[in-house]
Amino acid sequence: MSSNDYFTKQRDLLLQDITNNLTQVHKNLETLNRSMNESVQIGKEFDDVGRLWSVFYDGMNELKERQLEQNKNASQTHQEEEEDDD
């Protein structure tokens, strides 16, 4: 076997190994892409739920602010009545 034949054989083996590895990388990238797309879809499914909770919390905060304002107004009214009584 000449050194040229040996080189050619080794080169072909390496090229085959590289081809196999690149094929595996390609398959893994496709699997990763599918997984990422599925994750995005699952995330999109939670958008409506997230908006609903956001509306709920906004409403609760608004209610809390109104109650604080009413309590503040009631306290001021009560103080003014006490001052008038004096």
C-alpha atoms as a PDB file:
ATOM      1  CA  MET A   1       0.000   0.000   0.000  1.00  0.00           C
ATOM      2  CA  SER A   2       1.498   3.305  -0.990  1.00  0.00           C
ATOM      3  CA  SER A   3       1.440   6.357   1.219  1.00  0.00           C
ATOM      4  CA  ASN A   4      -0.912   8.002  -1.274  1.00  0.00           C
ATOM      5  CA  ASP A   5      -3.437   5.180  -0.866  1.00  0.00           C
ATOM      6  CA  TYR A   6      -3.097   5.360   2.890  1.00  0.00           C
ATOM      7  CA  PHE A   7      -3.618   9.126   2.842  1.00  0.00           C
ATOM      8  CA  THR A   8      -6.670   8.773   0.589  1.00  0.00           C
ATOM      9  CA  LYS A   9      -8.144   6.080   2.818  1.00  0.00           C
ATOM     10  CA  GLN A  10      -7.565   8.132   5.975  1.00  0.00           C
ATOM     11  CA  ARG A  11      -8.960  11.234   4.302  1.00  0.00           C
ATOM     12  CA  ASP A  12     -12.118   9.355   3.258  1.00  0.00           C
ATOM     13  CA  LEU A  13     -12.533   7.992   6.790  1.00  0.00           C
ATOM     14  CA  LEU A  14     -12.180  11.467   8.267  1.00  0.00           C
ATOM     15  CA  LEU A  15     -14.579  12.945   5.728  1.00  0.00           C
ATOM     16  CA  GLN A  16     -17.101  10.219   6.537  1.00  0.00           C
ATOM     17  CA  ASP A  17     -16.680  10.893  10.263  1.00  0.00           C
ATOM     18  CA  ILE A  18     -17.123  14.640   9.709  1.00  0.00           C
ATOM     19  CA  THR A  19     -20.205  14.008   7.573  1.00  0.00           C
ATOM     20  CA  ASN A  20     -21.721  11.766  10.248  1.00  0.00           C
ATOM     21  CA  ASN A  21     -21.007  14.328  12.980  1.00  0.00           C
ATOM     22  CA  LEU A  22     -22.449  17.187  10.932  1.00  0.00           C
ATOM     23  CA  THR A  23     -25.559  15.113  10.239  1.00  0.00           C
ATOM     24  CA  GLN A  24     -25.935  14.506  13.973  1.00  0.00           C
ATOM     25  CA  VAL A  25     -25.447  18.226  14.719  1.00  0.00           C
ATOM     26  CA  HIS A  26     -28.101  19.065  12.118  1.00  0.00           C
ATOM     27  CA  LYS A  27     -30.566  16.597  13.687  1.00  0.00           C
ATOM     28  CA  ASN A  28     -29.853  18.024  17.147  1.00  0.00           C
ATOM     29  CA  LEU A  29     -30.393  21.574  15.896  1.00  0.00           C
ATOM     30  CA  GLU A  30     -33.726  20.564  14.371  1.00  0.00           C
ATOM     31  CA  THR A  31     -34.746  18.969  17.681  1.00  0.00           C
ATOM     32  CA  LEU A  32     -33.691  22.107  19.559  1.00  0.00           C
ATOM     33  CA  ASN A  33     -35.651  24.274  17.129  1.00  0.00           C
ATOM     34  CA  ARG A  34     -38.789  22.179  17.638  1.00  0.00           C
ATOM     35  CA  SER A  35     -38.389  22.351  21.406  1.00  0.00           C
ATOM     36  CA  MET A  36     -37.944  26.111  21.323  1.00  0.00           C
ATOM     37  CA  ASN A  37     -41.002  26.523  19.093  1.00  0.00           C
ATOM     38  CA  GLU A  38     -43.036  24.382  21.485  1.00  0.00           C
ATOM     39  CA  SER A  39     -41.831  26.484  24.416  1.00  0.00           C
ATOM     40  CA  VAL A  40     -42.859  29.665  22.623  1.00  0.00           C
ATOM     41  CA  GLN A  41     -46.292  28.182  21.905  1.00  0.00           C
ATOM     42  CA  ILE A  42     -46.738  27.195  25.547  1.00  0.00           C
ATOM     43  CA  GLY A  43     -45.706  30.705  26.586  1.00  0.00           C
ATOM     44  CA  LYS A  44     -48.246  32.223  24.204  1.00  0.00           C
ATOM     45  CA  GLU A  45     -50.963  30.084  25.792  1.00  0.00           C
ATOM     46  CA  PHE A  46     -50.283  31.838  29.102  1.00  0.00           C
ATOM     47  CA  ASP A  47     -50.649  35.339  27.624  1.00  0.00           C
ATOM     48  CA  ASP A  48     -54.406  35.448  28.201  1.00  0.00           C
ATOM     49  CA  VAL A  49     -54.049  34.121  31.745  1.00  0.00           C
ATOM     50  CA  GLY A  50     -51.315  36.669  32.428  1.00  0.00           C
ATOM     51  CA  ARG A  51     -53.477  39.520  31.139  1.00  0.00           C
ATOM     52  CA  LEU A  52     -56.379  38.322  33.279  1.00  0.00           C
ATOM     53  CA  TRP A  53     -54.224  38.326  36.418  1.00  0.00           C
ATOM     54  CA  SER A  54     -52.868  41.740  35.479  1.00  0.00           C
ATOM     55  CA  VAL A  55     -56.410  43.134  35.236  1.00  0.00           C
ATOM     56  CA  PHE A  56     -57.248  41.484  38.567  1.00  0.00           C
ATOM     57  CA  TYR A  57     -54.241  43.011  40.348  1.00  0.00           C
ATOM     58  CA  ASP A  58     -54.834  46.408  38.752  1.00  0.00           C
ATOM     59  CA  GLY A  59     -58.422  46.283  40.000  1.00  0.00           C
ATOM     60  CA  MET A  60     -57.321  45.234  43.478  1.00  0.00           C
ATOM     61  CA  ASN A  61     -54.761  48.064  43.631  1.00  0.00           C
ATOM     62  CA  GLU A  62     -57.366  50.571  42.468  1.00  0.00           C
ATOM     63  CA  LEU A  63     -59.789  49.305  45.118  1.00  0.00           C
ATOM     64  CA  LYS A  64     -57.099  49.586  47.790  1.00  0.00           C
ATOM     65  CA  GLU A  65     -56.297  53.160  46.704  1.00  0.00           C
ATOM     66  CA  ARG A  66     -59.981  54.119  46.843  1.00  0.00           C
ATOM     67  CA  GLN A  67     -60.329  52.632  50.326  1.00  0.00           C
ATOM     68  CA  LEU A  68     -57.239  54.504  51.521  1.00  0.00           C
ATOM     69  CA  GLU A  69     -58.597  57.724  50.047  1.00  0.00           C
ATOM     70  CA  GLN A  70     -62.007  57.159  51.668  1.00  0.00           C
ATOM     71  CA  ASN A  71     -60.369  56.430  55.019  1.00  0.00           C
ATOM     72  CA  LYS A  72     -58.244  59.545  54.673  1.00  0.00           C
ATOM     73  CA  ASN A  73     -61.285  61.676  53.799  1.00  0.00           C
ATOM     74  CA  ALA A  74     -63.277  60.171  56.667  1.00  0.00           C
ATOM     75  CA  SER A  75     -60.423  60.866  59.074  1.00  0.00           C
ATOM     76  CA  GLN A  76     -60.147  64.484  57.897  1.00  0.00           C
ATOM     77  CA  THR A  77     -63.920  64.940  58.189  1.00  0.00           C
ATOM     78  CA  HIS A  78     -63.841  63.469  61.689  1.00  0.00           C
ATOM     79  CA  GLN A  79     -61.013  65.809  62.730  1.00  0.00           C
ATOM     80  CA  GLU A  80     -62.829  68.832  61.308  1.00  0.00           C
ATOM     81  CA  GLU A  81     -65.980  67.881  63.236  1.00  0.00           C
ATOM     82  CA  GLU A  82     -63.969  67.599  66.443  1.00  0.00           C
ATOM     83  CA  GLU A  83     -62.401  71.004  65.836  1.00  0.00           C
ATOM     84  CA  ASP A  84     -65.829  72.522  65.236  1.00  0.00           C
ATOM     85  CA  ASP A  85     -67.096  71.004  68.482  1.00  0.00           C
ATOM     86  CA  ASP A  86     -64.299  72.679  70.442  1.00  0.00           C
END
